[in-house]
Structures are given as structure tokens and as C-alpha cells.
């Protein structure tokens, strides 16, 4: 797992990635439902070329601190 060179501080959706295993990771101190939704939206959003992070990585793990939550997320998360 490493920080790819194109990922900067506060890069949308992911902090770490494994390009061989196609895994993306987001680490946050704010794992509220709103933050999770924002992260997933950024992960799925296509750029000007029509490419999304979801198209490159098969799974997104979100690690964060939160109170108990029953927030639903898509199967890629």
C-alpha cells in the first residue's frame, strides 16, 4: 500500500492505494454519513476524460472515527 504520486494532501476520495490489488483506502477523523457520502461520490465521479477512481480500483475501504452508524454504502465499499 502506498500513496501514489498523483495523490496530494486532502486528495478527494482516497489517501492510499494498491494498484496491483486494485484497493483504495480513505482514512478520516470524520466518518459521518455526510463525509462517507462525499467520499463515495468523489470516488465514483468521472473526470473530463470519463475516468473515475472506481474504474481503476475495485474496492474502497473507509477507515475513520465515528459514533455508531447504520449508514448503508455500495458494495464496492
PDB file of N, CA and C in Angstrom:
ATOM      1  N   UNK A   1       0.857  -1.162   0.000  1.00  0.00           N
ATOM      2  CA  UNK A   1       0.000   0.000   0.000  1.00  0.00           C
ATOM      3  C   UNK A   1       0.900   1.220   0.000  1.00  0.00           C
ATOM      4  N   UNK A   2       0.599   2.169  -0.873  1.00  0.00           N
ATOM      5  CA  UNK A   2       1.401   3.374  -0.923  1.00  0.00           C
ATOM      6  C   UNK A   2       0.558   4.557  -1.366  1.00  0.00           C
ATOM      7  N   UNK A   3       1.112   5.725  -1.193  1.00  0.00           N
ATOM      8  CA  UNK A   3       0.461   6.927  -1.669  1.00  0.00           C
ATOM      9  C   UNK A   3       0.959   7.172  -3.085  1.00  0.00           C
ATOM     10  N   UNK A   4       0.097   6.979  -4.087  1.00  0.00           N
ATOM     11  CA  UNK A   4       0.527   7.229  -5.463  1.00  0.00           C
ATOM     12  C   UNK A   4       0.939   8.689  -5.652  1.00  0.00           C
ATOM     13  N   UNK A   5       1.877   8.958  -6.564  1.00  0.00           N
ATOM     14  CA  UNK A   5       2.397  10.320  -6.723  1.00  0.00           C
ATOM     15  C   UNK A   5       1.335  11.356  -7.090  1.00  0.00           C
ATOM     16  N   UNK A   6       0.256  10.936  -7.752  1.00  0.00           N
ATOM     17  CA  UNK A   6      -0.776  11.900  -8.142  1.00  0.00           C
ATOM     18  C   UNK A   6      -1.694  12.282  -6.982  1.00  0.00           C
ATOM     19  N   UNK A   7      -1.581  11.591  -5.848  1.00  0.00           N
ATOM     20  CA  UNK A   7      -2.430  11.891  -4.694  1.00  0.00           C
ATOM     21  C   UNK A   7      -1.729  12.898  -3.796  1.00  0.00           C
ATOM     22  N   UNK A   8      -2.388  14.011  -3.583  1.00  0.00           N
ATOM     23  CA  UNK A   8      -1.861  15.090  -2.748  1.00  0.00           C
ATOM     24  C   UNK A   8      -2.612  15.114  -1.415  1.00  0.00           C
ATOM     25  N   UNK A   9      -2.173  15.934  -0.474  1.00  0.00           N
ATOM     26  CA  UNK A   9      -2.867  16.107   0.795  1.00  0.00           C
ATOM     27  C   UNK A   9      -4.301  16.545   0.503  1.00  0.00           C
ATOM     28  N   UNK A  10      -5.251  15.928   1.185  1.00  0.00           N
ATOM     29  CA  UNK A  10      -6.686  16.193   1.009  1.00  0.00           C
ATOM     30  C   UNK A  10      -7.182  15.894  -0.403  1.00  0.00           C
ATOM     31  N   UNK A  11      -6.528  14.965  -1.094  1.00  0.00           N
ATOM     32  CA  UNK A  11      -6.995  14.492  -2.394  1.00  0.00           C
ATOM     33  C   UNK A  11      -8.382  13.881  -2.208  1.00  0.00           C
ATOM     34  N   UNK A  12      -9.329  14.155  -3.109  1.00  0.00           N
ATOM     35  CA  UNK A  12     -10.682  13.623  -2.929  1.00  0.00           C
ATOM     36  C   UNK A  12     -10.722  12.096  -2.966  1.00  0.00           C
ATOM     37  N   UNK A  13     -11.419  11.507  -2.036  1.00  0.00           N
ATOM     38  CA  UNK A  13     -11.781  10.091  -2.005  1.00  0.00           C
ATOM     39  C   UNK A  13     -10.726   9.127  -1.479  1.00  0.00           C
ATOM     40  N   UNK A  14      -9.459   9.227  -1.868  1.00  0.00           N
ATOM     41  CA  UNK A  14      -8.501   8.214  -1.416  1.00  0.00           C
ATOM     42  C   UNK A  14      -7.208   8.831  -0.880  1.00  0.00           C
ATOM     43  N   UNK A  15      -6.628   8.125   0.099  1.00  0.00           N
ATOM     44  CA  UNK A  15      -5.344   8.529   0.682  1.00  0.00           C
ATOM     45  C   UNK A  15      -4.234   7.553   0.324  1.00  0.00           C
ATOM     46  N   UNK A  16      -4.585   6.286   0.205  1.00  0.00           N
ATOM     47  CA  UNK A  16      -3.626   5.223  -0.114  1.00  0.00           C
ATOM     48  C   UNK A  16      -4.212   4.333  -1.200  1.00  0.00           C
ATOM     49  N   UNK A  17      -3.333   3.659  -1.931  1.00  0.00           N
ATOM     50  CA  UNK A  17      -3.808   2.760  -2.974  1.00  0.00           C
ATOM     51  C   UNK A  17      -2.820   1.640  -3.217  1.00  0.00           C
ATOM     52  N   UNK A  18      -3.358   0.489  -3.593  1.00  0.00           N
ATOM     53  CA  UNK A  18      -2.548  -0.635  -4.043  1.00  0.00           C
ATOM     54  C   UNK A  18      -2.985  -0.905  -5.475  1.00  0.00           C
ATOM     55  N   UNK A  19      -2.158  -0.493  -6.434  1.00  0.00           N
ATOM     56  CA  UNK A  19      -2.519  -0.619  -7.846  1.00  0.00           C
ATOM     57  C   UNK A  19      -2.524  -2.056  -8.337  1.00  0.00           C
ATOM     58  N   UNK A  20      -1.778  -2.938  -7.683  1.00  0.00           N
ATOM     59  CA  UNK A  20      -1.770  -4.343  -8.093  1.00  0.00           C
ATOM     60  C   UNK A  20      -3.021  -5.069  -7.609  1.00  0.00           C
ATOM     61  N   UNK A  21      -3.418  -4.818  -6.363  1.00  0.00           N
ATOM     62  CA  UNK A  21      -4.610  -5.464  -5.805  1.00  0.00           C
ATOM     63  C   UNK A  21      -5.875  -4.659  -6.069  1.00  0.00           C
ATOM     64  N   UNK A  22      -5.716  -3.458  -6.679  1.00  0.00           N
ATOM     65  CA  UNK A  22      -6.824  -2.581  -7.038  1.00  0.00           C
ATOM     66  C   UNK A  22      -7.654  -2.179  -5.814  1.00  0.00           C
ATOM     67  N   UNK A  23      -6.947  -1.794  -4.734  1.00  0.00           N
ATOM     68  CA  UNK A  23      -7.589  -1.386  -3.486  1.00  0.00           C
ATOM     69  C   UNK A  23      -7.280   0.085  -3.221  1.00  0.00           C
ATOM     70  N   UNK A  24      -8.308   0.843  -2.850  1.00  0.00           N
ATOM     71  CA  UNK A  24      -8.143   2.240  -2.460  1.00  0.00           C
ATOM     72  C   UNK A  24      -8.574   2.386  -1.004  1.00  0.00           C
ATOM     73  N   UNK A  25      -7.916   3.301  -0.285  1.00  0.00           N
ATOM     74  CA  UNK A  25      -8.199   3.497   1.138  1.00  0.00           C
ATOM     75  C   UNK A  25      -8.368   4.986   1.424  1.00  0.00           C
ATOM     76  N   UNK A  26      -9.397   5.302   2.189  1.00  0.00           N
ATOM     77  CA  UNK A  26      -9.599   6.657   2.705  1.00  0.00           C
ATOM     78  C   UNK A  26      -9.520   6.574   4.221  1.00  0.00           C
ATOM     79  N   UNK A  27      -8.711   7.429   4.829  1.00  0.00           N
ATOM     80  CA  UNK A  27      -8.584   7.500   6.286  1.00  0.00           C
ATOM     81  C   UNK A  27      -9.062   8.880   6.713  1.00  0.00           C
ATOM     82  N   UNK A  28      -9.985   8.907   7.671  1.00  0.00           N
ATOM     83  CA  UNK A  28     -10.557  10.180   8.086  1.00  0.00           C
ATOM     84  C   UNK A  28     -10.847  10.203   9.580  1.00  0.00           C
ATOM     85  N   UNK A  29     -10.768  11.380  10.157  1.00  0.00           N
ATOM     86  CA  UNK A  29     -11.162  11.530  11.556  1.00  0.00           C
ATOM     87  C   UNK A  29     -12.648  11.836  11.653  1.00  0.00           C
ATOM     88  N   UNK A  30     -13.269  12.112  10.517  1.00  0.00           N
ATOM     89  CA  UNK A  30     -14.697  12.425  10.478  1.00  0.00           C
ATOM     90  C   UNK A  30     -15.401  11.407   9.582  1.00  0.00           C
ATOM     91  N   UNK A  31     -15.897  10.333  10.166  1.00  0.00           N
ATOM     92  CA  UNK A  31     -16.579   9.298   9.379  1.00  0.00           C
ATOM     93  C   UNK A  31     -18.096   9.445   9.499  1.00  0.00           C
ATOM     94  N   UNK A  32     -18.560  10.678   9.421  1.00  0.00           N
ATOM     95  CA  UNK A  32     -20.003  10.923   9.470  1.00  0.00           C
ATOM     96  C   UNK A  32     -20.651  10.420   8.177  1.00  0.00           C
ATOM     97  N   UNK A  33     -21.956  10.187   8.186  1.00  0.00           N
ATOM     98  CA  UNK A  33     -22.627   9.777   6.946  1.00  0.00           C
ATOM     99  C   UNK A  33     -22.391  10.766   5.806  1.00  0.00           C
ATOM    100  N   UNK A  34     -22.349  12.048   6.117  1.00  0.00           N
ATOM    101  CA  UNK A  34     -22.118  13.054   5.084  1.00  0.00           C
ATOM    102  C   UNK A  34     -20.724  12.916   4.471  1.00  0.00           C
ATOM    103  N   UNK A  35     -19.720  12.698   5.310  1.00  0.00           N
ATOM    104  CA  UNK A  35     -18.344  12.535   4.837  1.00  0.00           C
ATOM    105  C   UNK A  35     -18.219  11.253   4.008  1.00  0.00           C
ATOM    106  N   UNK A  36     -18.865  10.177   4.453  1.00  0.00           N
ATOM    107  CA  UNK A  36     -18.835   8.915   3.704  1.00  0.00           C
ATOM    108  C   UNK A  36     -19.466   9.110   2.331  1.00  0.00           C
ATOM    109  N   UNK A  37     -20.629   9.767   2.290  1.00  0.00           N
ATOM    110  CA  UNK A  37     -21.292  10.025   1.010  1.00  0.00           C
ATOM    111  C   UNK A  37     -20.430  10.878   0.092  1.00  0.00           C
ATOM    112  N   UNK A  38     -19.792  11.920   0.656  1.00  0.00           N
ATOM    113  CA  UNK A  38     -18.926  12.792  -0.132  1.00  0.00           C
ATOM    114  C   UNK A  38     -17.738  12.013  -0.709  1.00  0.00           C
ATOM    115  N   UNK A  39     -17.168  11.132   0.102  1.00  0.00           N
ATOM    116  CA  UNK A  39     -16.042  10.313  -0.336  1.00  0.00           C
ATOM    117  C   UNK A  39     -16.461   9.375  -1.460  1.00  0.00           C
ATOM    118  N   UNK A  40     -17.603   8.712  -1.298  1.00  0.00           N
ATOM    119  CA  UNK A  40     -18.086   7.775  -2.325  1.00  0.00           C
ATOM    120  C   UNK A  40     -18.417   8.519  -3.616  1.00  0.00           C
ATOM    121  N   UNK A  41     -19.035   9.686  -3.497  1.00  0.00           N
ATOM    122  CA  UNK A  41     -19.348  10.487  -4.687  1.00  0.00           C
ATOM    123  C   UNK A  41     -18.073  10.862  -5.430  1.00  0.00           C
ATOM    124  N   UNK A  42     -17.049  11.291  -4.703  1.00  0.00           N
ATOM    125  CA  UNK A  42     -15.769  11.646  -5.333  1.00  0.00           C
ATOM    126  C   UNK A  42     -15.110  10.422  -5.956  1.00  0.00           C
ATOM    127  N   UNK A  43     -15.227   9.254  -5.303  1.00  0.00           N
ATOM    128  CA  UNK A  43     -14.652   8.011  -5.816  1.00  0.00           C
ATOM    129  C   UNK A  43     -15.319   7.599  -7.130  1.00  0.00           C
ATOM    130  N   UNK A  44     -16.627   7.840  -7.236  1.00  0.00           N
ATOM    131  CA  UNK A  44     -17.381   7.431  -8.423  1.00  0.00           C
ATOM    132  C   UNK A  44     -17.400   8.490  -9.527  1.00  0.00           C
ATOM    133  N   UNK A  45     -17.065   9.747  -9.195  1.00  0.00           N
ATOM    134  CA  UNK A  45     -17.149  10.844 -10.161  1.00  0.00           C
ATOM    135  C   UNK A  45     -16.126  10.669 -11.288  1.00  0.00           C
ATOM    136  N   UNK A  46     -16.597  10.853 -12.507  1.00  0.00           N
ATOM    137  CA  UNK A  46     -15.716  10.748 -13.668  1.00  0.00           C
ATOM    138  C   UNK A  46     -15.067  12.098 -13.953  1.00  0.00           C
ATOM    139  N   UNK A  47     -13.801  12.057 -14.364  1.00  0.00           N
ATOM    140  CA  UNK A  47     -13.097  13.287 -14.716  1.00  0.00           C
ATOM    141  C   UNK A  47     -13.449  13.692 -16.150  1.00  0.00           C
ATOM    142  N   UNK A  48     -12.776  14.707 -16.665  1.00  0.00           N
ATOM    143  CA  UNK A  48     -13.070  15.202 -18.018  1.00  0.00           C
ATOM    144  C   UNK A  48     -12.861  14.136 -19.085  1.00  0.00           C
ATOM    145  N   UNK A  49     -12.000  13.164 -18.801  1.00  0.00           N
ATOM    146  CA  UNK A  49     -11.733  12.087 -19.747  1.00  0.00           C
ATOM    147  C   UNK A  49     -12.718  10.932 -19.608  1.00  0.00           C
ATOM    148  N   UNK A  50     -13.648  11.049 -18.650  1.00  0.00           N
ATOM    149  CA  UNK A  50     -14.640   9.996 -18.441  1.00  0.00           C
ATOM    150  C   UNK A  50     -14.150   8.848 -17.580  1.00  0.00           C
ATOM    151  N   UNK A  51     -13.077   9.084 -16.821  1.00  0.00           N
ATOM    152  CA  UNK A  51     -12.491   8.042 -15.981  1.00  0.00           C
ATOM    153  C   UNK A  51     -12.752   8.373 -14.513  1.00  0.00           C
ATOM    154  N   UNK A  52     -13.093   7.356 -13.733  1.00  0.00           N
ATOM    155  CA  UNK A  52     -13.305   7.542 -12.292  1.00  0.00           C
ATOM    156  C   UNK A  52     -12.316   6.684 -11.515  1.00  0.00           C
ATOM    157  N   UNK A  53     -12.145   7.010 -10.232  1.00  0.00           N
ATOM    158  CA  UNK A  53     -11.318   6.167  -9.372  1.00  0.00           C
ATOM    159  C   UNK A  53     -11.943   4.784  -9.228  1.00  0.00           C
ATOM    160  N   UNK A  54     -13.278   4.724  -9.228  1.00  0.00           N
ATOM    161  CA  UNK A  54     -13.976   3.435  -9.148  1.00  0.00           C
ATOM    162  C   UNK A  54     -13.630   2.554 -10.343  1.00  0.00           C
ATOM    163  N   UNK A  55     -13.362   3.167 -11.483  1.00  0.00           N
ATOM    164  CA  UNK A  55     -12.963   2.409 -12.661  1.00  0.00           C
ATOM    165  C   UNK A  55     -11.564   1.829 -12.540  1.00  0.00           C
ATOM    166  N   UNK A  56     -10.740   2.421 -11.696  1.00  0.00           N
ATOM    167  CA  UNK A  56      -9.362   1.961 -11.513  1.00  0.00           C
ATOM    168  C   UNK A  56      -9.215   1.010 -10.331  1.00  0.00           C
ATOM    169  N   UNK A  57      -9.994   1.239  -9.270  1.00  0.00           N
ATOM    170  CA  UNK A  57      -9.903   0.422  -8.055  1.00  0.00           C
ATOM    171  C   UNK A  57     -11.207  -0.331  -7.837  1.00  0.00           C
ATOM    172  N   UNK A  58     -11.103  -1.603  -7.517  1.00  0.00           N
ATOM    173  CA  UNK A  58     -12.306  -2.426  -7.368  1.00  0.00           C
ATOM    174  C   UNK A  58     -12.966  -2.287  -6.008  1.00  0.00           C
ATOM    175  N   UNK A  59     -12.218  -1.774  -5.023  1.00  0.00           N
ATOM    176  CA  UNK A  59     -12.784  -1.636  -3.682  1.00  0.00           C
ATOM    177  C   UNK A  59     -12.228  -0.386  -3.011  1.00  0.00           C
ATOM    178  N   UNK A  60     -13.081   0.239  -2.209  1.00  0.00           N
ATOM    179  CA  UNK A  60     -12.687   1.412  -1.426  1.00  0.00           C
ATOM    180  C   UNK A  60     -12.948   1.103   0.037  1.00  0.00           C
ATOM    181  N   UNK A  61     -11.898   1.153   0.845  1.00  0.00           N
ATOM    182  CA  UNK A  61     -12.041   0.997   2.296  1.00  0.00           C
ATOM    183  C   UNK A  61     -12.009   2.380   2.923  1.00  0.00           C
ATOM    184  N   UNK A  62     -12.968   2.639   3.805  1.00  0.00           N
ATOM    185  CA  UNK A  62     -13.007   3.904   4.524  1.00  0.00           C
ATOM    186  C   UNK A  62     -12.780   3.608   6.004  1.00  0.00           C
ATOM    187  N   UNK A  63     -11.672   4.111   6.533  1.00  0.00           N
ATOM    188  CA  UNK A  63     -11.351   3.950   7.946  1.00  0.00           C
ATOM    189  C   UNK A  63     -11.517   5.296   8.625  1.00  0.00           C
ATOM    190  N   UNK A  64     -12.280   5.315   9.705  1.00  0.00           N
ATOM    191  CA  UNK A  64     -12.470   6.583  10.385  1.00  0.00           C
ATOM    192  C   UNK A  64     -13.082   6.417  11.750  1.00  0.00           C
ATOM    193  N   UNK A  65     -13.112   7.515  12.459  1.00  0.00           N
ATOM    194  CA  UNK A  65     -13.699   7.550  13.790  1.00  0.00           C
ATOM    195  C   UNK A  65     -15.126   8.056  13.667  1.00  0.00           C
ATOM    196  N   UNK A  66     -16.042   7.351  14.279  1.00  0.00           N
ATOM    197  CA  UNK A  66     -17.434   7.781  14.241  1.00  0.00           C
ATOM    198  C   UNK A  66     -18.192   7.175  15.409  1.00  0.00           C
ATOM    199  N   UNK A  67     -19.339   7.734  15.667  1.00  0.00           N
ATOM    200  CA  UNK A  67     -20.247   7.126  16.612  1.00  0.00           C
ATOM    201  C   UNK A  67     -20.916   5.970  15.882  1.00  0.00           C
ATOM    202  N   UNK A  68     -21.627   5.137  16.587  1.00  0.00           N
ATOM    203  CA  UNK A  68     -22.306   4.018  15.951  1.00  0.00           C
ATOM    204  C   UNK A  68     -23.177   4.515  14.818  1.00  0.00           C
ATOM    205  N   UNK A  69     -23.067   3.848  13.667  1.00  0.00           N
ATOM    206  CA  UNK A  69     -23.810   4.269  12.485  1.00  0.00           C
ATOM    207  C   UNK A  69     -24.337   3.060  11.740  1.00  0.00           C
ATOM    208  N   UNK A  70     -25.515   3.192  11.190  1.00  0.00           N
ATOM    209  CA  UNK A  70     -26.103   2.143  10.351  1.00  0.00           C
ATOM    210  C   UNK A  70     -26.232   2.662   8.930  1.00  0.00           C
ATOM    211  N   UNK A  71     -25.313   3.510   8.544  1.00  0.00           N
ATOM    212  CA  UNK A  71     -25.318   4.133   7.227  1.00  0.00           C
ATOM    213  C   UNK A  71     -25.007   3.081   6.173  1.00  0.00           C
ATOM    214  N   UNK A  72     -25.813   2.974   5.131  1.00  0.00           N
ATOM    215  CA  UNK A  72     -25.572   1.991   4.076  1.00  0.00           C
ATOM    216  C   UNK A  72     -24.634   2.571   3.023  1.00  0.00           C
ATOM    217  N   UNK A  73     -23.822   1.676   2.447  1.00  0.00           N
ATOM    218  CA  UNK A  73     -22.867   2.076   1.410  1.00  0.00           C
ATOM    219  C   UNK A  73     -22.935   1.065   0.264  1.00  0.00           C
ATOM    220  N   UNK A  74     -22.459   1.430  -0.940  1.00  0.00           N
ATOM    221  CA  UNK A  74     -22.469   0.496  -2.055  1.00  0.00           C
ATOM    222  C   UNK A  74     -21.549  -0.697  -1.813  1.00  0.00           C
ATOM    223  N   UNK A  75     -21.716  -1.750  -2.574  1.00  0.00           N
ATOM    224  CA  UNK A  75     -20.956  -2.987  -2.369  1.00  0.00           C
ATOM    225  C   UNK A  75     -19.461  -2.830  -2.621  1.00  0.00           C
ATOM    226  N   UNK A  76     -19.017  -1.796  -3.347  1.00  0.00           N
ATOM    227  CA  UNK A  76     -17.584  -1.604  -3.589  1.00  0.00           C
ATOM    228  C   UNK A  76     -16.876  -1.071  -2.366  1.00  0.00           C
ATOM    229  N   UNK A  77     -17.615  -0.694  -1.329  1.00  0.00           N
ATOM    230  CA  UNK A  77     -17.019  -0.120  -0.126  1.00  0.00           C
ATOM    231  C   UNK A  77     -17.024  -1.104   1.019  1.00  0.00           C
TER     232      UNK A  77
END
